[in-house]
Amino acid sequence: GTFTDGETVTVTATANEGYEFVNWTEDGEVVSTEAEYSFVITEDVELQANFIETYDVALSVNIEDSGVITGDGTYNNGETVTITATANEGYIFVNWTEDGEEVTAETEFTFVITEDRCFVANFIAIYDLVLSVNIEGAGEVTGAGTFTDGETVTVTATTNEGYAFVNWTENGEVVSTESEYSFVITEDRNLTANFIEIYDVTLSINIEGSGSVTGDGTYSNGSTVTVVATPNENYAFVSWTEDGEVVSTEAEYSFEITEDVELQ
């Protein structure tokens, strides 16, 4: 407008949506960075209000409480923006996506903004798999570790000499009787490989051709073993002995095994 010499003048710049006020300039020189600028007029003045386009950066996560994201907000056109994703406990970061397309697999992404952007930080749950054995030294187990949700996991139990594999249990419940067990993991797991001691039963006869014996083999600790001696014609069964000591005079002899046994 038109003002008298020495009058105080106030000019105001109001940014429209999508823009931000930068400064007032006169002949290319900045005279104020305030949107509302007051001065005493002593000559004709030509002021220019300078605005810049602004854009929004919107951030979200694919799983609630899976991680923390930073960098959302409003930025000036051409400004360098950095967004970061930090996984919470129990999760790992996968990637940043925009409109369903992967932008980067890095947790920190820097770009120059020229339009509105909307990113999703994608995380995936991870689970711990803990393995143990019921009898120390009975065998070896492999497959423990940390795995991503939905991953197929294989655990393996290998028996040491003198033992046999029984099953895998979790919280006392049998989950598999196979030494190699595969499953899709969807939660923390704690598996126990159960082994049992095994013993050999060895049978022999004192006179070759005098009869036959059955029941030799390998048995689990505490199982009941039955051995049978059948005499051939012109022979009679006398006894079962172990280390020269008579243990039974019955041709059919049953006992609970707790160690290797050699019977004659």
Protein backbone atom coordinates (compact mmCIF):
# COMPACT_ATOMS: atom_id res chain seq x y z
CA GLY A 1 0.00 0.00 0.00
CA THR A 2 0.92 3.72 0.31
CA PHE A 3 2.36 5.03 3.56
CA THR A 4 3.64 8.33 4.94
CA ASP A 5 7.32 8.91 5.64
CA GLY A 6 8.34 7.48 9.03
CA GLU A 7 5.25 5.35 9.40
CA THR A 8 5.63 1.82 10.84
CA VAL A 9 4.57 -0.79 8.31
CA THR A 10 3.79 -4.43 9.01
CA VAL A 11 3.72 -6.99 6.21
CA THR A 12 2.50 -10.55 6.73
CA ALA A 13 3.08 -13.70 4.67
CA THR A 14 0.80 -16.70 5.17
CA ALA A 15 1.83 -20.01 3.60
CA ASN A 16 -0.75 -22.09 1.79
CA GLU A 17 -0.99 -25.84 2.32
CA GLY A 18 2.03 -27.62 0.95
CA TYR A 19 4.31 -24.60 1.36
CA GLU A 20 6.39 -23.01 4.08
CA PHE A 21 7.47 -19.39 4.45
CA VAL A 22 11.21 -18.83 4.09
CA ASN A 23 11.93 -15.07 4.25
CA TRP A 24 11.30 -11.56 3.00
CA THR A 25 13.82 -10.21 0.50
CA GLU A 26 14.45 -6.81 -1.09
CA ASP A 27 16.58 -6.62 -4.22
CA GLY A 28 17.62 -10.21 -3.50
CA GLU A 29 18.76 -9.43 0.03
CA VAL A 30 17.09 -11.04 3.04
CA VAL A 31 15.49 -8.43 5.26
CA SER A 32 13.57 -10.77 7.60
CA THR A 33 12.94 -14.46 8.22
CA GLU A 34 9.76 -13.67 10.15
CA ALA A 35 6.45 -14.10 8.37
CA GLU A 36 5.25 -10.92 10.10
CA TYR A 37 7.81 -8.16 9.39
CA SER A 38 7.59 -4.59 10.74
CA PHE A 39 9.77 -1.64 9.72
CA VAL A 40 9.76 2.19 9.53
CA ILE A 41 9.27 3.32 5.95
CA THR A 42 11.51 6.06 4.60
CA GLU A 43 11.41 5.24 0.89
CA ASP A 44 9.60 3.14 -1.64
CA VAL A 45 9.97 -0.53 -0.79
CA GLU A 46 9.51 -3.62 -2.94
CA LEU A 47 9.46 -6.82 -0.86
CA GLN A 48 9.22 -10.41 -1.99
CA ALA A 49 7.82 -13.16 0.23
CA ASN A 50 9.68 -16.37 -0.47
CA PHE A 51 8.04 -19.73 0.05
CA ILE A 52 9.23 -23.31 -0.46
CA GLU A 53 7.27 -26.46 -1.14
CA THR A 54 7.04 -28.91 1.79
CA TYR A 55 6.41 -32.65 1.82
CA ASP A 56 5.32 -35.12 4.46
CA VAL A 57 7.18 -38.29 5.43
CA ALA A 58 4.83 -40.83 7.04
CA LEU A 59 6.24 -43.93 8.77
CA SER A 60 4.57 -47.08 10.11
CA VAL A 61 5.47 -50.64 11.16
CA ASN A 62 4.02 -53.90 9.85
CA ILE A 63 3.71 -55.48 13.33
CA GLU A 64 2.62 -53.41 16.30
CA ASP A 65 5.36 -52.99 18.95
CA SER A 66 7.89 -54.78 16.73
CA GLY A 67 10.23 -51.81 16.55
CA VAL A 68 10.86 -48.09 16.87
CA ILE A 69 10.92 -45.77 13.84
CA THR A 70 12.20 -42.20 13.56
CA GLY A 71 12.33 -39.56 10.85
CA ASP A 72 8.69 -38.89 10.06
CA GLY A 73 7.56 -35.27 9.71
CA THR A 74 7.36 -32.37 7.28
CA TYR A 75 10.40 -31.40 5.20
CA ASN A 76 11.27 -28.73 2.67
CA ASN A 77 11.57 -29.64 -0.98
CA GLY A 78 15.09 -30.89 -1.72
CA GLU A 79 15.93 -31.46 1.93
CA THR A 80 17.92 -34.58 2.89
CA VAL A 81 15.85 -36.90 5.10
CA THR A 82 17.06 -39.86 7.17
CA ILE A 83 14.67 -42.46 8.56
CA THR A 84 15.73 -45.21 10.98
CA ALA A 85 14.20 -48.46 12.22
CA THR A 86 15.27 -50.19 15.44
CA ALA A 87 13.92 -53.66 16.22
CA ASN A 88 12.48 -54.38 19.65
CA GLU A 89 13.49 -57.50 21.56
CA GLY A 90 12.15 -60.62 19.86
CA TYR A 91 12.16 -59.08 16.38
CA ILE A 92 14.59 -58.33 13.56
CA PHE A 93 14.32 -55.67 10.86
CA VAL A 94 13.62 -56.90 7.33
CA ASN A 95 13.27 -53.85 5.06
CA TRP A 96 11.63 -50.54 4.27
CA THR A 97 8.82 -50.72 1.71
CA GLU A 98 6.76 -48.09 -0.09
CA ASP A 99 3.54 -49.04 -1.86
CA GLY A 100 4.48 -52.69 -1.26
CA GLU A 101 7.85 -52.38 -3.02
CA GLU A 102 11.15 -52.79 -1.20
CA VAL A 103 13.10 -49.56 -0.95
CA THR A 104 16.06 -50.77 1.11
CA ALA A 105 17.06 -53.54 3.50
CA GLU A 106 19.15 -51.10 5.55
CA THR A 107 17.76 -49.92 8.89
CA GLU A 108 18.90 -46.34 8.11
CA PHE A 109 17.73 -44.86 4.80
CA THR A 110 18.70 -41.38 3.56
CA PHE A 111 17.12 -39.63 0.56
CA VAL A 112 16.39 -36.20 -0.93
CA ILE A 113 12.69 -35.41 -0.64
CA THR A 114 10.79 -34.10 -3.69
CA GLU A 115 7.32 -35.43 -2.90
CA ASP A 116 5.24 -36.89 -0.08
CA ARG A 117 6.61 -40.28 1.02
CA CYS A 118 5.01 -43.10 3.00
CA PHE A 119 7.23 -45.91 4.26
CA VAL A 120 6.56 -49.12 6.16
CA ALA A 121 9.27 -50.61 8.38
CA ASN A 122 8.91 -54.38 8.17
CA PHE A 123 9.98 -56.56 11.07
CA ILE A 124 9.68 -60.29 11.68
CA ALA A 125 9.46 -62.15 14.97
CA ILE A 126 12.41 -64.35 16.00
CA TYR A 127 12.32 -67.30 18.34
CA ASP A 128 14.89 -69.17 20.40
CA LEU A 129 15.24 -72.93 20.15
CA VAL A 130 16.94 -74.51 23.17
CA LEU A 131 18.00 -78.18 23.15
CA SER A 132 19.05 -80.44 26.02
CA VAL A 133 19.53 -84.15 26.79
CA ASN A 134 18.01 -86.11 29.65
CA ILE A 135 21.22 -88.02 30.45
CA GLU A 136 24.56 -86.22 30.30
CA GLY A 137 26.91 -87.92 27.87
CA ALA A 138 24.15 -90.06 26.35
CA GLY A 139 24.21 -88.30 23.00
CA GLU A 140 24.66 -85.14 21.00
CA VAL A 141 21.98 -82.71 19.80
CA THR A 142 22.21 -80.17 16.96
CA GLY A 143 19.87 -77.51 15.60
CA ALA A 144 19.60 -75.06 18.50
CA GLY A 145 19.66 -71.34 17.75
CA THR A 146 17.55 -68.33 16.84
CA PHE A 147 15.10 -68.55 13.95
CA THR A 148 12.61 -66.29 12.20
CA ASP A 149 8.87 -66.80 12.52
CA GLY A 150 7.60 -69.49 10.14
CA GLU A 151 11.04 -70.92 9.40
CA THR A 152 11.41 -74.70 9.06
CA VAL A 153 13.78 -76.03 11.70
CA THR A 154 15.41 -79.46 11.92
CA VAL A 155 16.87 -80.84 15.16
CA THR A 156 18.97 -84.00 15.28
CA ALA A 157 19.87 -86.33 18.14
CA THR A 158 22.87 -88.65 17.78
CA THR A 159 23.39 -91.43 20.33
CA ASN A 160 26.68 -92.21 21.97
CA GLU A 161 27.83 -95.79 22.48
CA GLY A 162 25.83 -97.60 25.13
CA TYR A 163 22.67 -95.54 24.63
CA ALA A 164 19.61 -95.49 22.38
CA PHE A 165 17.44 -92.53 21.37
CA VAL A 166 13.87 -92.63 22.71
CA ASN A 167 12.11 -89.39 21.77
CA TRP A 168 11.96 -85.60 21.76
CA THR A 169 9.82 -84.05 24.49
CA GLU A 170 8.69 -80.52 25.33
CA ASN A 171 7.28 -79.72 28.75
CA GLY A 172 7.12 -83.47 29.38
CA GLU A 173 5.04 -84.16 26.26
CA VAL A 174 6.37 -86.32 23.41
CA VAL A 175 6.63 -84.30 20.17
CA SER A 176 8.51 -86.85 18.05
CA THR A 177 10.00 -90.33 18.25
CA GLU A 178 12.31 -89.65 15.31
CA SER A 179 15.90 -88.67 16.05
CA GLU A 180 15.65 -86.09 13.23
CA TYR A 181 12.66 -83.86 13.86
CA SER A 182 11.54 -81.00 11.58
CA PHE A 183 8.90 -78.38 12.35
CA VAL A 184 7.81 -74.83 11.53
CA ILE A 185 8.73 -72.50 14.39
CA THR A 186 6.12 -70.01 15.61
CA GLU A 187 7.25 -69.51 19.20
CA ASP A 188 10.19 -70.12 21.54
CA ARG A 189 10.83 -73.87 21.89
CA ASN A 190 12.66 -75.90 24.53
CA LEU A 191 13.18 -79.51 23.47
CA THR A 192 14.75 -82.41 25.35
CA ALA A 193 16.30 -85.37 23.56
CA ASN A 194 15.65 -88.43 25.68
CA PHE A 195 18.07 -91.36 25.63
CA ILE A 196 18.14 -94.63 27.52
CA GLU A 197 21.06 -96.84 28.44
CA ILE A 198 21.25 -100.12 26.53
CA TYR A 199 22.97 -103.37 27.41
CA ASP A 200 24.03 -106.45 25.48
CA VAL A 201 22.95 -109.97 26.33
CA THR A 202 25.42 -112.55 24.99
CA LEU A 203 24.56 -116.26 25.10
CA SER A 204 26.73 -119.34 24.64
CA ILE A 205 26.53 -123.09 25.31
CA ASN A 206 29.07 -125.28 27.12
CA ILE A 207 28.99 -128.16 24.62
CA GLU A 208 28.80 -127.39 20.94
CA GLY A 209 25.79 -129.07 19.32
CA SER A 210 24.15 -129.85 22.66
CA GLY A 211 21.29 -127.40 22.19
CA SER A 212 20.19 -123.96 21.12
CA VAL A 213 19.66 -120.69 22.98
CA THR A 214 17.49 -117.66 22.23
CA GLY A 215 17.16 -114.19 23.76
CA ASP A 216 20.52 -112.64 23.07
CA GLY A 217 20.59 -109.08 21.77
CA THR A 218 20.51 -105.46 22.92
CA TYR A 219 18.03 -104.28 25.56
CA SER A 220 17.17 -100.99 27.19
CA ASN A 221 18.09 -100.39 30.81
CA GLY A 222 15.52 -101.87 33.18
CA SER A 223 13.72 -103.98 30.58
CA THR A 224 12.84 -107.63 31.26
CA VAL A 225 14.89 -110.15 29.30
CA THR A 226 13.92 -113.77 28.79
CA VAL A 227 16.47 -116.28 27.59
CA VAL A 228 15.53 -119.84 26.61
CA ALA A 229 17.75 -122.93 26.33
CA THR A 230 16.47 -125.89 24.31
CA PRO A 231 18.50 -129.14 24.57
CA ASN A 232 19.06 -131.32 21.55
CA GLU A 233 18.36 -135.05 21.56
CA ASN A 234 20.49 -137.02 24.05
CA TYR A 235 21.19 -133.83 26.08
CA ALA A 236 19.54 -132.25 29.10
CA PHE A 237 19.60 -128.66 30.24
CA VAL A 238 21.46 -128.10 33.55
CA SER A 239 21.68 -124.38 34.33
CA TRP A 240 22.46 -120.85 33.24
CA THR A 241 25.74 -119.50 34.59
CA GLU A 242 27.39 -116.09 34.57
CA ASP A 243 31.10 -115.80 35.29
CA GLY A 244 30.94 -119.45 36.44
CA GLU A 245 28.15 -118.75 38.95
CA VAL A 246 24.73 -120.41 38.56
CA VAL A 247 22.01 -117.79 38.09
CA SER A 248 19.13 -120.13 37.18
CA THR A 249 18.35 -123.81 36.81
CA GLU A 250 15.31 -123.04 34.66
CA ALA A 251 15.68 -123.41 30.91
CA GLU A 252 13.54 -120.28 30.54
CA TYR A 253 15.16 -117.57 32.61
CA SER A 254 13.83 -113.98 32.98
CA PHE A 255 15.61 -111.05 34.61
CA GLU A 256 15.70 -107.25 34.62
CA ILE A 257 18.76 -105.97 32.81
CA THR A 258 20.91 -103.17 34.29
CA GLU A 259 24.28 -104.03 32.74
CA ASP A 260 25.87 -106.11 30.01
CA VAL A 261 25.24 -109.81 30.61
CA GLU A 262 27.09 -112.88 29.34
CA LEU A 263 25.25 -116.14 30.06
CA GLN A 264 26.22 -119.72 29.32
